[in-house]
Amino acid sequence: MDLAQLSDVELVEESRRLPEAARLPVVDALFARYYATVARWSYRFTGDRDSAGDLAQDVFLKAHRHLDSFRGTARFSTWLYAIVRNESLTWRRRVATFPETQDDESLIDVATAIPGPEAAAAEGSRRDRLNAFLSETLTEEERTVFVLHYGDDMSLDAVTRLLGLENASGAKAYIVSAKRKLARAARRLQARGEDL
């Protein structure tokens, strides 16, 4: 059987059908699809390459232990993101500080495709500026909703459910607020002659 041809749900179902000793290749095939994504999500939460690696490892261990709890009512990536979010909150409580700055080296190491050194440095520098811009402009919740929706192509309904937003408009309210704040901040940058 070609595991690459199976959907995420089919892989989960296949792992459930197999005896415990034979599950590992199926679970590995499923998780391999999300290694880079979980690394990016982990990095966004931690801001540190080493911590992101530790967090990603914790996420996959927890996902492996609780794979049978995946019901298929949401996309597998949504279920996995919930684990990343919960593990990152645990990590934040443990660490009690969130790094304010990120160096280009960390951003280059987390990237899945390794460009040339000059392109990687330029991209890392731009990413630093963009992360700083988002951090300075948006609240943490606005930033999380914004990144999930635009960065990870998650629907607003999925973001609302994932983050447990209880306001009437859900994630849409945070997107509207974030867009207004970002537009004002971008205009201020332009007025000063600065660029992201």
Protein backbone atom coordinates (compact mmCIF):
# COMPACT_ATOMS: atom_id res chain seq x y z
CA MET A 1 0.00 0.00 0.00
CA ASP A 2 1.31 3.46 -0.95
CA LEU A 3 0.87 5.56 2.18
CA ALA A 4 1.55 8.79 0.28
CA GLN A 5 -1.68 8.29 -1.68
CA LEU A 6 -3.85 8.12 1.43
CA SER A 7 -5.54 11.15 2.97
CA ASP A 8 -4.82 12.19 6.56
CA VAL A 9 -8.07 10.61 7.76
CA GLU A 10 -7.32 7.40 5.87
CA LEU A 11 -3.88 7.23 7.48
CA VAL A 12 -5.40 7.67 10.94
CA GLU A 13 -7.95 4.94 10.20
CA GLU A 14 -5.21 2.67 8.85
CA SER A 15 -3.12 3.18 12.00
CA ARG A 16 -6.15 2.21 14.11
CA ARG A 17 -6.64 -1.01 12.14
CA LEU A 18 -3.05 -2.14 12.61
CA PRO A 19 -1.61 -3.78 15.71
CA GLU A 20 0.46 -1.43 17.88
CA ALA A 21 3.77 -2.85 16.64
CA ALA A 22 2.91 -2.14 12.99
CA ARG A 23 1.52 1.39 13.41
CA LEU A 24 4.78 3.36 13.40
CA PRO A 25 5.34 3.57 9.60
CA VAL A 26 1.77 4.78 9.06
CA VAL A 27 1.98 7.37 11.83
CA ASP A 28 5.39 8.51 10.58
CA ALA A 29 3.96 8.97 7.07
CA LEU A 30 1.14 11.08 8.51
CA PHE A 31 3.37 13.22 10.72
CA ALA A 32 5.97 13.70 7.95
CA ARG A 33 3.38 15.78 6.11
CA TYR A 34 3.32 18.23 8.99
CA TYR A 35 6.92 18.41 10.25
CA ALA A 36 7.66 21.75 8.55
CA THR A 37 4.27 23.22 9.49
CA VAL A 38 4.59 22.25 13.16
CA ALA A 39 8.14 23.64 13.18
CA ARG A 40 6.86 26.99 11.85
CA TRP A 41 3.95 27.08 14.30
CA SER A 42 6.29 26.18 17.16
CA TYR A 43 8.72 28.89 16.13
CA ARG A 44 5.93 31.48 16.01
CA PHE A 45 4.99 30.61 19.58
CA THR A 46 8.50 30.39 21.01
CA GLY A 47 10.54 32.80 18.91
CA ASP A 48 13.58 30.59 19.49
CA ARG A 49 14.91 27.80 17.24
CA ASP A 50 15.96 25.44 20.03
CA SER A 51 12.74 25.92 21.97
CA ALA A 52 10.74 25.48 18.76
CA GLY A 53 12.48 22.16 18.15
CA ASP A 54 11.72 21.01 21.69
CA LEU A 55 8.12 22.17 21.40
CA ALA A 56 7.66 20.43 18.04
CA GLN A 57 9.01 17.21 19.52
CA ASP A 58 6.58 17.49 22.44
CA VAL A 59 3.72 18.13 20.01
CA PHE A 60 4.44 15.01 17.97
CA LEU A 61 4.83 12.88 21.08
CA LYS A 62 1.49 14.09 22.41
CA ALA A 63 -0.17 13.70 19.00
CA HIS A 64 1.14 10.14 18.77
CA ARG A 65 -0.13 9.28 22.24
CA HIS A 66 -3.56 10.78 21.56
CA LEU A 67 -3.99 9.92 17.88
CA ASP A 68 -7.01 7.78 18.71
CA SER A 69 -8.79 10.91 19.98
CA PHE A 70 -8.78 12.41 16.46
CA ARG A 71 -12.39 12.06 15.27
CA GLY A 72 -12.15 13.60 11.81
CA THR A 73 -14.75 16.30 12.50
CA ALA A 74 -12.10 18.92 11.66
CA ARG A 75 -9.05 18.76 9.44
CA PHE A 76 -6.07 16.90 10.87
CA SER A 77 -4.02 20.11 10.68
CA THR A 78 -6.59 21.89 12.88
CA TRP A 79 -6.42 19.09 15.45
CA LEU A 80 -2.62 19.21 15.35
CA TYR A 81 -2.60 23.01 15.71
CA ALA A 82 -4.71 22.70 18.86
CA ILE A 83 -1.99 20.49 20.30
CA VAL A 84 0.70 23.01 19.28
CA ARG A 85 -1.27 25.79 20.92
CA ASN A 86 -1.85 23.88 24.15
CA GLU A 87 1.76 22.73 24.35
CA SER A 88 2.99 26.26 23.66
CA LEU A 89 0.86 27.64 26.49
CA THR A 90 2.40 25.02 28.77
CA TRP A 91 5.84 25.98 27.46
CA ARG A 92 5.17 29.68 28.09
CA ARG A 93 4.11 29.02 31.65
CA ARG A 94 7.28 26.99 32.16
CA VAL A 95 9.60 29.55 30.62
CA ALA A 96 7.67 32.63 31.80
CA THR A 97 9.40 34.85 29.25
CA PHE A 98 8.96 35.22 25.52
CA PRO A 99 12.04 36.28 23.50
CA GLU A 100 11.63 39.72 22.01
CA THR A 101 14.15 39.36 19.21
CA GLN A 102 14.96 36.72 16.70
CA ASP A 103 18.20 36.39 14.82
CA ASP A 104 18.53 35.62 11.12
CA GLU A 105 20.30 32.34 11.91
CA SER A 106 17.25 30.99 13.75
CA LEU A 107 14.90 31.91 10.94
CA ILE A 108 17.15 30.33 8.33
CA ASP A 109 17.41 27.07 10.31
CA VAL A 110 13.64 26.78 10.69
CA ALA A 111 12.96 27.27 7.00
CA THR A 112 12.02 24.14 5.09
CA ALA A 113 13.65 25.08 1.80
CA ILE A 114 17.20 26.33 2.14
CA PRO A 115 17.89 29.18 -0.29
CA GLY A 116 21.33 30.62 -0.95
CA PRO A 117 22.99 32.48 1.94
CA GLU A 118 22.26 35.98 0.60
CA ALA A 119 18.62 35.21 -0.14
CA ALA A 120 18.22 33.51 3.22
CA ALA A 121 19.73 36.47 5.07
CA ALA A 122 17.49 38.94 3.21
CA GLU A 123 14.42 36.78 3.86
CA GLY A 124 15.36 36.38 7.53
CA SER A 125 15.82 40.11 7.94
CA ARG A 126 12.48 40.80 6.26
CA ARG A 127 10.79 38.18 8.45
CA ASP A 128 12.30 39.82 11.55
CA ARG A 129 10.91 43.20 10.51
CA LEU A 130 7.50 41.72 9.72
CA ASN A 131 7.35 39.83 13.03
CA ALA A 132 8.36 42.98 14.91
CA PHE A 133 5.77 45.02 12.98
CA LEU A 134 3.01 42.52 13.81
CA SER A 135 4.10 42.30 17.47
CA GLU A 136 4.21 46.08 17.90
CA THR A 137 0.91 46.67 16.10
CA LEU A 138 -1.40 43.82 17.13
CA THR A 139 -2.42 42.21 20.37
CA GLU A 140 -1.31 38.60 20.82
CA GLU A 141 -4.81 37.29 20.06
CA GLU A 142 -5.14 39.46 16.92
CA ARG A 143 -1.72 38.30 15.75
CA THR A 144 -2.59 34.62 16.33
CA VAL A 145 -5.89 34.90 14.44
CA PHE A 146 -4.24 36.86 11.62
CA VAL A 147 -1.39 34.37 11.18
CA LEU A 148 -3.68 31.34 11.32
CA HIS A 149 -6.07 32.82 8.77
CA TYR A 150 -3.61 34.35 6.31
CA GLY A 151 -0.39 32.49 7.04
CA ASP A 152 -1.85 29.01 7.43
CA ASP A 153 -4.95 29.40 5.22
CA MET A 154 -7.29 28.40 8.02
CA SER A 155 -10.94 29.43 7.62
CA LEU A 156 -12.34 32.00 10.05
CA ASP A 157 -14.79 29.41 11.40
CA ALA A 158 -11.95 26.97 12.05
CA VAL A 159 -9.89 29.68 13.79
CA THR A 160 -12.91 30.64 15.93
CA ARG A 161 -13.44 27.02 17.01
CA LEU A 162 -9.75 26.32 17.49
CA LEU A 163 -9.13 29.32 19.72
CA GLY A 164 -12.48 29.05 21.49
CA LEU A 165 -13.46 32.63 20.63
CA GLU A 166 -16.81 33.42 22.21
CA ASN A 167 -17.54 36.87 20.80
CA ALA A 168 -20.45 37.13 18.35
CA SER A 169 -18.31 37.60 15.23
CA GLY A 170 -15.60 35.15 16.20
CA ALA A 171 -12.29 35.41 14.38
CA LYS A 172 -13.71 37.89 11.85
CA ALA A 173 -13.80 40.63 14.51
CA TYR A 174 -10.09 40.11 15.20
CA ILE A 175 -9.26 40.18 11.48
CA VAL A 176 -11.18 43.45 10.98
CA SER A 177 -9.44 45.02 13.97
CA ALA A 178 -6.02 43.71 12.86
CA LYS A 179 -6.48 45.05 9.31
CA ARG A 180 -7.38 48.51 10.61
CA LYS A 181 -4.40 48.61 12.96
CA LEU A 182 -2.02 47.32 10.28
CA ALA A 183 -3.29 49.84 7.72
CA ARG A 184 -2.76 52.73 10.17
CA ALA A 185 0.68 51.48 11.11
CA ALA A 186 1.65 51.01 7.45
CA ARG A 187 0.57 54.57 6.67
CA ARG A 188 2.73 55.84 9.54
CA LEU A 189 5.70 53.89 8.16
CA GLN A 190 5.13 55.31 4.67
CA ALA A 191 4.85 58.84 6.06
CA ARG A 192 8.26 58.36 7.70
CA GLY A 193 9.67 56.93 4.47
CA GLU A 194 10.25 53.52 6.01
CA ASP A 195 9.54 50.12 4.53
CA LEU A 196 8.96 46.68 5.97
